[in-house]
């Protein structure tokens, strides 16, 4: 649109009109005014409305970030879209207006912390931070002409290491026998292969290698972001369930319910957890149960690392070194040698 706006009277009319050229064609709009001075004020307002905005608000940044960047590599947009909805109160904010944006974020966090856990608030805030950083990058979003205010995410995630002991494991496996096929197969795969829930739910028939007795969890080459996966053996716990699910699959997925792929297990698993009576227990703890059992059995940390898909042994050791016999041997011997029984010493 050209900036050459002119105020003119159309032939045979007393009302003043605004004329301009757009895409090589002349356009006009009536001011509805016969007084030239009033029409001139109308023209100034019209110019301001037509001028491109020099600021970009958070809402537009989040939309462009989601469409141009996040969506291209995300396996699912469900949780991301729910976070975008939660961030809507900040949509009209300008991240280049540091003072106002900082106050808006602070107020949003203060209200939000009453209804969600700190980890949820941190996850939501991380999306906002990622979007603004993307928009400010000259080689990525290129949406901001200036240095924006980046909110701080002070949440410190604590490492959770929870695994089932032998008694809890026995209870879980007993209750599991009575559960629907989709649930007992998902739980069985998790506890016997240390695979993540997402990898299990995405599992399809072509990934089951019956001749080799293996499940290939490696993801499809579709450009989506996924954590590391591997090939696992089909264990005796799941073989019959896996065969039944394989033979009865309608969609090609292994974990199906009523002829449809299972997208979420939370509700079904929560009911199952309540039946077991096991406290402080999550689906991801099945993966930790496998890893802890392997560590207690003396499986080398390098092999546990590979089984879990960790990038480094250091990450594996952070969670499981404290229970591995190789790491406890010296401390155990020291304790036994130093703190001998007083009664034994007297006798």
Foldseek 3Di string as FASTA:
>chain_A
DDLPWDWDDDPPDQWIKIWDDDPNHIDIDTPRDNDPVVSVVVVVVVSVVPDDDQFAFLQVLLVCCVVVPVVQAAPDCVVVVVLSVLCVQRRRPTQAVPVVSQVSVVVSLVVVVVPDPLVVSLVSLVSSQVSVVQCPDCVGNVNHDDDGDRDDNPDDDDDDQDADDPVLVVLLLVLLVPADLLVSLLLVCCLQQLDDSVLQLQFFLVQCDVVVQKGASDDDPSNHDDADAGIGGNDPSNPVSQVVQNVPAQPRHSRDDPNHRDPDCVVVVVVSCVVSVDPPDDSSNSSSNNLQVCQLVQPDLVVSCVSNRHPDSVVSCVRHVVNHCVNCVVVVVCCCVPDPDPVVVVD
